[in-house]
Amino acid sequence: MWSLAADAMCILLVFVLVVLLSRRAIDPVVRSAEQQKQFITDASHELKTPITVIATCLRVLEMDVGKQKWIAWVTAAILSSSASRRVPSAV
């Protein structure tokens, strides 16, 4: 009888240790994933802003000098390039 109770206590102790140590081992992975998500969000915003500014400047230039083939071509290239880089959210 004593041996069965001691075995149960040892198994319970091992289980508690495994749970505690596994949480400690997983925390850096979780933190890293959160930092990676934040980096991707920040980088995406930083890339969209200059593209938007360039596209706006091209529209203003087109209003000033009139329709030009090269302005339309550059605007289309910029907008299609930015649209093709959009990645749907995985979360």
PDB file of N, CA and C in Angstrom:
ATOM      1  N   MET A   1       0.815  -1.194   0.000  1.00  0.00           N
ATOM      2  CA  MET A   1       0.000   0.000   0.000  1.00  0.00           C
ATOM      3  C   MET A   1       0.859   1.258   0.000  1.00  0.00           C
ATOM      4  N   TRP A   2       1.893   1.265   0.811  1.00  0.00           N
ATOM      5  CA  TRP A   2       2.783   2.428   0.894  1.00  0.00           C
ATOM      6  C   TRP A   2       3.458   2.678  -0.436  1.00  0.00           C
ATOM      7  N   SER A   3       3.856   1.646  -1.106  1.00  0.00           N
ATOM      8  CA  SER A   3       4.557   1.767  -2.382  1.00  0.00           C
ATOM      9  C   SER A   3       3.655   2.398  -3.443  1.00  0.00           C
ATOM     10  N   LEU A   4       2.397   2.068  -3.457  1.00  0.00           N
ATOM     11  CA  LEU A   4       1.460   2.619  -4.433  1.00  0.00           C
ATOM     12  C   LEU A   4       1.261   4.117  -4.206  1.00  0.00           C
ATOM     13  N   ALA A   5       1.145   4.523  -2.954  1.00  0.00           N
ATOM     14  CA  ALA A   5       0.990   5.942  -2.627  1.00  0.00           C
ATOM     15  C   ALA A   5       2.252   6.714  -2.978  1.00  0.00           C
ATOM     16  N   ALA A   6       3.415   6.136  -2.713  1.00  0.00           N
ATOM     17  CA  ALA A   6       4.679   6.799  -3.049  1.00  0.00           C
ATOM     18  C   ALA A   6       4.828   6.931  -4.557  1.00  0.00           C
ATOM     19  N   ASP A   7       4.420   5.892  -5.295  1.00  0.00           N
ATOM     20  CA  ASP A   7       4.482   5.949  -6.760  1.00  0.00           C
ATOM     21  C   ASP A   7       3.571   7.048  -7.303  1.00  0.00           C
ATOM     22  N   ALA A   8       2.378   7.159  -6.735  1.00  0.00           N
ATOM     23  CA  ALA A   8       1.429   8.179  -7.177  1.00  0.00           C
ATOM     24  C   ALA A   8       1.971   9.579  -6.896  1.00  0.00           C
ATOM     25  N   MET A   9       2.584   9.758  -5.737  1.00  0.00           N
ATOM     26  CA  MET A   9       3.163  11.067  -5.395  1.00  0.00           C
ATOM     27  C   MET A   9       4.315  11.419  -6.336  1.00  0.00           C
ATOM     28  N   CYS A  10       5.132  10.443  -6.648  1.00  0.00           N
ATOM     29  CA  CYS A  10       6.258  10.686  -7.560  1.00  0.00           C
ATOM     30  C   CYS A  10       5.768  11.054  -8.956  1.00  0.00           C
ATOM     31  N   ILE A  11       4.745  10.354  -9.409  1.00  0.00           N
ATOM     32  CA  ILE A  11       4.185  10.662 -10.724  1.00  0.00           C
ATOM     33  C   ILE A  11       3.583  12.062 -10.734  1.00  0.00           C
ATOM     34  N   LEU A  12       2.872  12.424  -9.672  1.00  0.00           N
ATOM     35  CA  LEU A  12       2.299  13.756  -9.561  1.00  0.00           C
ATOM     36  C   LEU A  12       3.392  14.818  -9.533  1.00  0.00           C
ATOM     37  N   LEU A  13       4.451  14.570  -8.787  1.00  0.00           N
ATOM     38  CA  LEU A  13       5.574  15.506  -8.709  1.00  0.00           C
ATOM     39  C   LEU A  13       6.235  15.688 -10.081  1.00  0.00           C
ATOM     40  N   VAL A  14       6.444  14.600 -10.773  1.00  0.00           N
ATOM     41  CA  VAL A  14       7.041  14.668 -12.119  1.00  0.00           C
ATOM     42  C   VAL A  14       6.124  15.451 -13.054  1.00  0.00           C
ATOM     43  N   PHE A  15       4.818  15.219 -12.985  1.00  0.00           N
ATOM     44  CA  PHE A  15       3.868  15.936 -13.823  1.00  0.00           C
ATOM     45  C   PHE A  15       3.931  17.445 -13.574  1.00  0.00           C
ATOM     46  N   VAL A  16       3.941  17.831 -12.296  1.00  0.00           N
ATOM     47  CA  VAL A  16       4.014  19.256 -11.950  1.00  0.00           C
ATOM     48  C   VAL A  16       5.319  19.867 -12.460  1.00  0.00           C
ATOM     49  N   LEU A  17       6.418  19.170 -12.299  1.00  0.00           N
ATOM     50  CA  LEU A  17       7.706  19.669 -12.789  1.00  0.00           C
ATOM     51  C   LEU A  17       7.708  19.819 -14.310  1.00  0.00           C
ATOM     52  N   VAL A  18       7.143  18.857 -14.999  1.00  0.00           N
ATOM     53  CA  VAL A  18       7.079  18.924 -16.468  1.00  0.00           C
ATOM     54  C   VAL A  18       6.250  20.126 -16.906  1.00  0.00           C
ATOM     55  N   VAL A  19       5.121  20.356 -16.273  1.00  0.00           N
ATOM     56  CA  VAL A  19       4.261  21.497 -16.632  1.00  0.00           C
ATOM     57  C   VAL A  19       4.997  22.805 -16.393  1.00  0.00           C
ATOM     58  N   LEU A  20       5.610  22.955 -15.241  1.00  0.00           N
ATOM     59  CA  LEU A  20       6.309  24.202 -14.911  1.00  0.00           C
ATOM     60  C   LEU A  20       7.500  24.451 -15.843  1.00  0.00           C
ATOM     61  N   LEU A  21       8.287  23.421 -16.082  1.00  0.00           N
ATOM     62  CA  LEU A  21       9.468  23.596 -16.929  1.00  0.00           C
ATOM     63  C   LEU A  21       9.095  23.787 -18.401  1.00  0.00           C
ATOM     64  N   SER A  22       8.027  23.157 -18.850  1.00  0.00           N
ATOM     65  CA  SER A  22       7.628  23.335 -20.247  1.00  0.00           C
ATOM     66  C   SER A  22       7.119  24.753 -20.487  1.00  0.00           C
ATOM     67  N   ARG A  23       6.405  25.320 -19.524  1.00  0.00           N
ATOM     68  CA  ARG A  23       5.972  26.720 -19.658  1.00  0.00           C
ATOM     69  C   ARG A  23       7.180  27.641 -19.749  1.00  0.00           C
ATOM     70  N   ARG A  24       8.156  27.352 -18.919  1.00  0.00           N
ATOM     71  CA  ARG A  24       9.368  28.180 -18.926  1.00  0.00           C
ATOM     72  C   ARG A  24      10.115  28.049 -20.256  1.00  0.00           C
ATOM     73  N   ALA A  25      10.100  26.873 -20.852  1.00  0.00           N
ATOM     74  CA  ALA A  25      10.783  26.649 -22.128  1.00  0.00           C
ATOM     75  C   ALA A  25      10.023  27.284 -23.293  1.00  0.00           C
ATOM     76  N   ILE A  26       8.697  27.342 -23.213  1.00  0.00           N
ATOM     77  CA  ILE A  26       7.878  27.852 -24.307  1.00  0.00           C
ATOM     78  C   ILE A  26       7.779  29.378 -24.297  1.00  0.00           C
ATOM     79  N   ASP A  27       7.941  30.018 -23.157  1.00  0.00           N
ATOM     80  CA  ASP A  27       7.814  31.478 -23.064  1.00  0.00           C
ATOM     81  C   ASP A  27       8.672  32.231 -24.084  1.00  0.00           C
ATOM     82  N   PRO A  28       9.941  31.914 -24.280  1.00  0.00           N
ATOM     83  CA  PRO A  28      10.726  32.645 -25.284  1.00  0.00           C
ATOM     84  C   PRO A  28      10.185  32.477 -26.705  1.00  0.00           C
ATOM     85  N   VAL A  29       9.636  31.313 -27.003  1.00  0.00           N
ATOM     86  CA  VAL A  29       9.073  31.083 -28.340  1.00  0.00           C
ATOM     87  C   VAL A  29       7.837  31.953 -28.544  1.00  0.00           C
ATOM     88  N   VAL A  30       6.998  32.025 -27.544  1.00  0.00           N
ATOM     89  CA  VAL A  30       5.789  32.844 -27.628  1.00  0.00           C
ATOM     90  C   VAL A  30       6.163  34.315 -27.757  1.00  0.00           C
ATOM     91  N   ARG A  31       7.109  34.766 -26.953  1.00  0.00           N
ATOM     92  CA  ARG A  31       7.563  36.158 -27.026  1.00  0.00           C
ATOM     93  C   ARG A  31       8.146  36.477 -28.403  1.00  0.00           C
ATOM     94  N   SER A  32       8.919  35.555 -28.937  1.00  0.00           N
ATOM     95  CA  SER A  32       9.534  35.750 -30.250  1.00  0.00           C
ATOM     96  C   SER A  32       8.470  35.848 -31.338  1.00  0.00           C
ATOM     97  N   ALA A  33       7.450  35.024 -31.273  1.00  0.00           N
ATOM     98  CA  ALA A  33       6.369  35.074 -32.267  1.00  0.00           C
ATOM     99  C   ALA A  33       5.628  36.404 -32.199  1.00  0.00           C
ATOM    100  N   GLU A  34       5.395  36.901 -30.993  1.00  0.00           N
ATOM    101  CA  GLU A  34       4.728  38.197 -30.841  1.00  0.00           C
ATOM    102  C   GLU A  34       5.596  39.325 -31.383  1.00  0.00           C
ATOM    103  N   GLN A  35       6.896  39.281 -31.127  1.00  0.00           N
ATOM    104  CA  GLN A  35       7.804  40.300 -31.659  1.00  0.00           C
ATOM    105  C   GLN A  35       7.864  40.248 -33.178  1.00  0.00           C
ATOM    106  N   GLN A  36       7.819  39.050 -33.737  1.00  0.00           N
ATOM    107  CA  GLN A  36       7.856  38.907 -35.187  1.00  0.00           C
ATOM    108  C   GLN A  36       6.592  39.501 -35.820  1.00  0.00           C
ATOM    109  N   LYS A  37       5.441  39.238 -35.222  1.00  0.00           N
ATOM    110  CA  LYS A  37       4.193  39.826 -35.717  1.00  0.00           C
ATOM    111  C   LYS A  37       4.262  41.350 -35.680  1.00  0.00           C
ATOM    112  N   GLN A  38       4.777  41.902 -34.596  1.00  0.00           N
ATOM    113  CA  GLN A  38       4.883  43.355 -34.467  1.00  0.00           C
ATOM    114  C   GLN A  38       5.839  43.921 -35.506  1.00  0.00           C
ATOM    115  N   PHE A  39       6.955  43.240 -35.742  1.00  0.00           N
ATOM    116  CA  PHE A  39       7.922  43.689 -36.743  1.00  0.00           C
ATOM    117  C   PHE A  39       7.299  43.703 -38.136  1.00  0.00           C
ATOM    118  N   ILE A  40       6.560  42.656 -38.472  1.00  0.00           N
ATOM    119  CA  ILE A  40       5.928  42.587 -39.793  1.00  0.00           C
ATOM    120  C   ILE A  40       4.905  43.706 -39.955  1.00  0.00           C
ATOM    121  N   THR A  41       4.144  43.969 -38.907  1.00  0.00           N
ATOM    122  CA  THR A  41       3.168  45.058 -38.957  1.00  0.00           C
ATOM    123  C   THR A  41       3.863  46.398 -39.154  1.00  0.00           C
ATOM    124  N   ASP A  42       4.921  46.650 -38.401  1.00  0.00           N
ATOM    125  CA  ASP A  42       5.659  47.907 -38.515  1.00  0.00           C
ATOM    126  C   ASP A  42       6.302  48.054 -39.886  1.00  0.00           C
ATOM    127  N   ALA A  43       6.922  46.982 -40.380  1.00  0.00           N
ATOM    128  CA  ALA A  43       7.587  47.034 -41.683  1.00  0.00           C
ATOM    129  C   ALA A  43       6.572  47.268 -42.797  1.00  0.00           C
ATOM    130  N   SER A  44       5.425  46.632 -42.705  1.00  0.00           N
ATOM    131  CA  SER A  44       4.382  46.812 -43.709  1.00  0.00           C
ATOM    132  C   SER A  44       3.928  48.265 -43.753  1.00  0.00           C
ATOM    133  N   HIS A  45       3.733  48.849 -42.595  1.00  0.00           N
ATOM    134  CA  HIS A  45       3.323  50.260 -42.543  1.00  0.00           C
ATOM    135  C   HIS A  45       4.404  51.161 -43.123  1.00  0.00           C
ATOM    136  N   GLU A  46       5.655  50.903 -42.788  1.00  0.00           N
ATOM    137  CA  GLU A  46       6.759  51.733 -43.271  1.00  0.00           C
ATOM    138  C   GLU A  46       6.920  51.633 -44.786  1.00  0.00           C
ATOM    139  N   LEU A  47       6.558  50.505 -45.376  1.00  0.00           N
ATOM    140  CA  LEU A  47       6.644  50.361 -46.830  1.00  0.00           C
ATOM    141  C   LEU A  47       5.452  50.991 -47.542  1.00  0.00           C
ATOM    142  N   LYS A  48       4.279  50.944 -46.929  1.00  0.00           N
ATOM    143  CA  LYS A  48       3.089  51.503 -47.563  1.00  0.00           C
ATOM    144  C   LYS A  48       3.156  53.025 -47.642  1.00  0.00           C
ATOM    145  N   THR A  49       3.699  53.653 -46.639  1.00  0.00           N
ATOM    146  CA  THR A  49       3.709  55.110 -46.590  1.00  0.00           C
ATOM    147  C   THR A  49       4.463  55.732 -47.766  1.00  0.00           C
ATOM    148  N   PRO A  50       5.711  55.330 -48.076  1.00  0.00           N
ATOM    149  CA  PRO A  50       6.389  55.942 -49.222  1.00  0.00           C
ATOM    150  C   PRO A  50       5.687  55.658 -50.550  1.00  0.00           C
ATOM    151  N   ILE A  51       5.120  54.489 -50.706  1.00  0.00           N
ATOM    152  CA  ILE A  51       4.420  54.166 -51.944  1.00  0.00           C
ATOM    153  C   ILE A  51       3.206  55.070 -52.108  1.00  0.00           C
ATOM    154  N   THR A  52       2.493  55.309 -51.037  1.00  0.00           N
ATOM    155  CA  THR A  52       1.337  56.199 -51.084  1.00  0.00           C
ATOM    156  C   THR A  52       1.761  57.619 -51.419  1.00  0.00           C
ATOM    157  N   VAL A  53       2.856  58.070 -50.838  1.00  0.00           N
ATOM    158  CA  VAL A  53       3.354  59.426 -51.111  1.00  0.00           C
ATOM    159  C   VAL A  53       3.753  59.558 -52.578  1.00  0.00           C
ATOM    160  N   ILE A  54       4.453  58.575 -53.112  1.00  0.00           N
ATOM    161  CA  ILE A  54       4.878  58.622 -54.515  1.00  0.00           C
ATOM    162  C   ILE A  54       3.659  58.626 -55.432  1.00  0.00           C
ATOM    163  N   ALA A  55       2.680  57.761 -55.155  1.00  0.00           N
ATOM    164  CA  ALA A  55       1.477  57.711 -55.981  1.00  0.00           C
ATOM    165  C   ALA A  55       0.727  59.043 -55.938  1.00  0.00           C
ATOM    166  N   THR A  56       0.653  59.658 -54.770  1.00  0.00           N
ATOM    167  CA  THR A  56      -0.008  60.956 -54.641  1.00  0.00           C
ATOM    168  C   THR A  56       0.733  62.032 -55.412  1.00  0.00           C
ATOM    169  N   CYS A  57       2.049  62.033 -55.316  1.00  0.00           N
ATOM    170  CA  CYS A  57       2.850  63.018 -56.064  1.00  0.00           C
ATOM    171  C   CYS A  57       2.660  62.840 -57.565  1.00  0.00           C
ATOM    172  N   LEU A  58       2.560  61.616 -58.013  1.00  0.00           N
ATOM    173  CA  LEU A  58       2.333  61.367 -59.438  1.00  0.00           C
ATOM    174  C   LEU A  58       0.964  61.882 -59.873  1.00  0.00           C
ATOM    175  N   ARG A  59      -0.037  61.730 -59.033  1.00  0.00           N
ATOM    176  CA  ARG A  59      -1.375  62.259 -59.369  1.00  0.00           C
ATOM    177  C   ARG A  59      -1.342  63.783 -59.434  1.00  0.00           C
ATOM    178  N   VAL A  60      -0.645  64.415 -58.488  1.00  0.00           N
ATOM    179  CA  VAL A  60      -0.531  65.879 -58.502  1.00  0.00           C
ATOM    180  C   VAL A  60       0.224  66.327 -59.751  1.00  0.00           C
ATOM    181  N   LEU A  61       1.299  65.636 -60.097  1.00  0.00           N
ATOM    182  CA  LEU A  61       2.058  65.954 -61.299  1.00  0.00           C
ATOM    183  C   LEU A  61       1.190  65.817 -62.536  1.00  0.00           C
ATOM    184  N   GLU A  62       0.360  64.785 -62.566  1.00  0.00           N
ATOM    185  CA  GLU A  62      -0.529  64.581 -63.705  1.00  0.00           C
ATOM    186  C   GLU A  62      -1.555  65.702 -63.808  1.00  0.00           C
ATOM    187  N   MET A  63      -2.026  66.194 -62.673  1.00  0.00           N
ATOM    188  CA  MET A  63      -2.959  67.331 -62.701  1.00  0.00           C
ATOM    189  C   MET A  63      -2.253  68.584 -63.209  1.00  0.00           C
ATOM    190  N   ASP A  64      -0.962  68.699 -62.918  1.00  0.00           N
ATOM    191  CA  ASP A  64      -0.200  69.887 -63.316  1.00  0.00           C
ATOM    192  C   ASP A  64       0.192  69.847 -64.793  1.00  0.00           C
ATOM    193  N   VAL A  65       0.733  68.729 -65.275  1.00  0.00           N
ATOM    194  CA  VAL A  65       1.253  68.671 -66.648  1.00  0.00           C
ATOM    195  C   VAL A  65       0.306  67.965 -67.607  1.00  0.00           C
ATOM    196  N   GLY A  66      -0.755  67.406 -67.116  1.00  0.00           N
ATOM    197  CA  GLY A  66      -1.689  66.691 -67.974  1.00  0.00           C
ATOM    198  C   GLY A  66      -1.343  65.209 -68.045  1.00  0.00           C
ATOM    199  N   LYS A  67      -2.181  64.501 -68.763  1.00  0.00           N
ATOM    200  CA  LYS A  67      -1.975  63.050 -68.881  1.00  0.00           C
ATOM    201  C   LYS A  67      -0.729  62.774 -69.695  1.00  0.00           C
ATOM    202  N   GLN A  68       0.137  61.957 -69.126  1.00  0.00           N
ATOM    203  CA  GLN A  68       1.360  61.522 -69.791  1.00  0.00           C
ATOM    204  C   GLN A  68       1.424  60.003 -69.695  1.00  0.00           C
ATOM    205  N   LYS A  69       1.928  59.380 -70.753  1.00  0.00           N
ATOM    206  CA  LYS A  69       2.017  57.914 -70.737  1.00  0.00           C
ATOM    207  C   LYS A  69       2.937  57.427 -69.624  1.00  0.00           C
ATOM    208  N   TRP A  70       4.054  58.100 -69.431  1.00  0.00           N
ATOM    209  CA  TRP A  70       5.018  57.623 -68.434  1.00  0.00           C
ATOM    210  C   TRP A  70       4.481  57.770 -67.023  1.00  0.00           C
ATOM    211  N   ILE A  71       3.677  58.813 -66.769  1.00  0.00           N
ATOM    212  CA  ILE A  71       3.085  58.972 -65.439  1.00  0.00           C
ATOM    213  C   ILE A  71       2.088  57.837 -65.184  1.00  0.00           C
ATOM    214  N   ALA A  72       1.280  57.545 -66.182  1.00  0.00           N
ATOM    215  CA  ALA A  72       0.314  56.451 -66.031  1.00  0.00           C
ATOM    216  C   ALA A  72       1.039  55.119 -65.834  1.00  0.00           C
ATOM    217  N   TRP A  73       2.129  54.929 -66.569  1.00  0.00           N
ATOM    218  CA  TRP A  73       2.881  53.681 -66.460  1.00  0.00           C
ATOM    219  C   TRP A  73       3.509  53.533 -65.069  1.00  0.00           C
ATOM    220  N   VAL A  74       4.135  54.603 -64.578  1.00  0.00           N
ATOM    221  CA  VAL A  74       4.780  54.549 -63.258  1.00  0.00           C
ATOM    222  C   VAL A  74       3.727  54.364 -62.163  1.00  0.00           C
ATOM    223  N   THR A  75       2.614  55.069 -62.270  1.00  0.00           N
ATOM    224  CA  THR A  75       1.547  54.931 -61.281  1.00  0.00           C
ATOM    225  C   THR A  75       1.019  53.494 -61.260  1.00  0.00           C
ATOM    226  N   ALA A  76       0.789  52.927 -62.432  1.00  0.00           N
ATOM    227  CA  ALA A  76       0.300  51.550 -62.512  1.00  0.00           C
ATOM    228  C   ALA A  76       1.331  50.577 -61.939  1.00  0.00           C
ATOM    229  N   ALA A  77       2.610  50.818 -62.239  1.00  0.00           N
ATOM    230  CA  ALA A  77       3.664  49.923 -61.732  1.00  0.00           C
ATOM    231  C   ALA A  77       3.740  49.982 -60.214  1.00  0.00           C
ATOM    232  N   ILE A  78       3.660  51.176 -59.662  1.00  0.00           N
ATOM    233  CA  ILE A  78       3.734  51.331 -58.203  1.00  0.00           C
ATOM    234  C   ILE A  78       2.527  50.687 -57.533  1.00  0.00           C
ATOM    235  N   LEU A  79       1.352  50.964 -58.053  1.00  0.00           N
ATOM    236  CA  LEU A  79       0.145  50.429 -57.426  1.00  0.00           C
ATOM    237  C   LEU A  79       0.060  48.914 -57.583  1.00  0.00           C
ATOM    238  N   SER A  80       0.447  48.379 -58.727  1.00  0.00           N
ATOM    239  CA  SER A  80       0.397  46.920 -58.890  1.00  0.00           C
ATOM    240  C   SER A  80       1.470  46.245 -58.045  1.00  0.00           C
ATOM    241  N   SER A  81       2.609  46.912 -57.899  1.00  0.00           N
ATOM    242  CA  SER A  81       3.676  46.359 -57.071  1.00  0.00           C
ATOM    243  C   SER A  81       3.250  46.311 -55.614  1.00  0.00           C
ATOM    244  N   SER A  82       2.628  47.360 -55.139  1.00  0.00           N
ATOM    245  CA  SER A  82       2.201  47.370 -53.734  1.00  0.00           C
ATOM    246  C   SER A  82       1.054  46.402 -53.512  1.00  0.00           C
ATOM    247  N   ALA A  83       0.184  46.226 -54.500  1.00  0.00           N
ATOM    248  CA  ALA A  83      -0.929  45.285 -54.346  1.00  0.00           C
ATOM    249  C   ALA A  83      -0.437  43.842 -54.348  1.00  0.00           C
ATOM    250  N   SER A  84       0.603  43.559 -55.139  1.00  0.00           N
ATOM    251  CA  SER A  84       1.092  42.180 -55.199  1.00  0.00           C
ATOM    252  C   SER A  84       1.861  41.796 -53.948  1.00  0.00           C
ATOM    253  N   ARG A  85       2.312  42.761 -53.176  1.00  0.00           N
ATOM    254  CA  ARG A  85       3.062  42.460 -51.950  1.00  0.00           C
ATOM    255  C   ARG A  85       2.163  42.268 -50.748  1.00  0.00           C
ATOM    256  N   ARG A  86       0.895  42.578 -50.896  1.00  0.00           N
ATOM    257  CA  ARG A  86      -0.027  42.403 -49.775  1.00  0.00           C
ATOM    258  C   ARG A  86      -0.182  40.927 -49.487  1.00  0.00           C
ATOM    259  N   VAL A  87      -0.043  40.586 -48.233  1.00  0.00           N
ATOM    260  CA  VAL A  87      -0.186  39.204 -47.808  1.00  0.00           C
ATOM    261  C   VAL A  87      -1.402  39.134 -46.897  1.00  0.00           C
ATOM    262  N   PRO A  88      -2.326  38.252 -47.209  1.00  0.00           N
ATOM    263  CA  PRO A  88      -3.485  38.147 -46.325  1.00  0.00           C
ATOM    264  C   PRO A  88      -3.077  37.747 -44.909  1.00  0.00           C
ATOM    265  N   SER A  89      -3.776  38.280 -43.958  1.00  0.00           N
ATOM    266  CA  SER A  89      -3.444  37.997 -42.557  1.00  0.00           C
ATOM    267  C   SER A  89      -3.687  36.539 -42.249  1.00  0.00           C
ATOM    268  N   ALA A  90      -2.709  35.920 -41.602  1.00  0.00           N
ATOM    269  CA  ALA A  90      -2.822  34.504 -41.238  1.00  0.00           C
ATOM    270  C   ALA A  90      -3.529  34.341 -39.901  1.00  0.00           C
ATOM    271  N   VAL A  91      -3.733  35.452 -39.217  1.00  0.00           N
ATOM    272  CA  VAL A  91      -4.331  35.366 -37.882  1.00  0.00           C
ATOM    273  C   VAL A  91      -5.753  35.843 -37.929  1.00  0.00           C
TER     274      VAL A  91
END
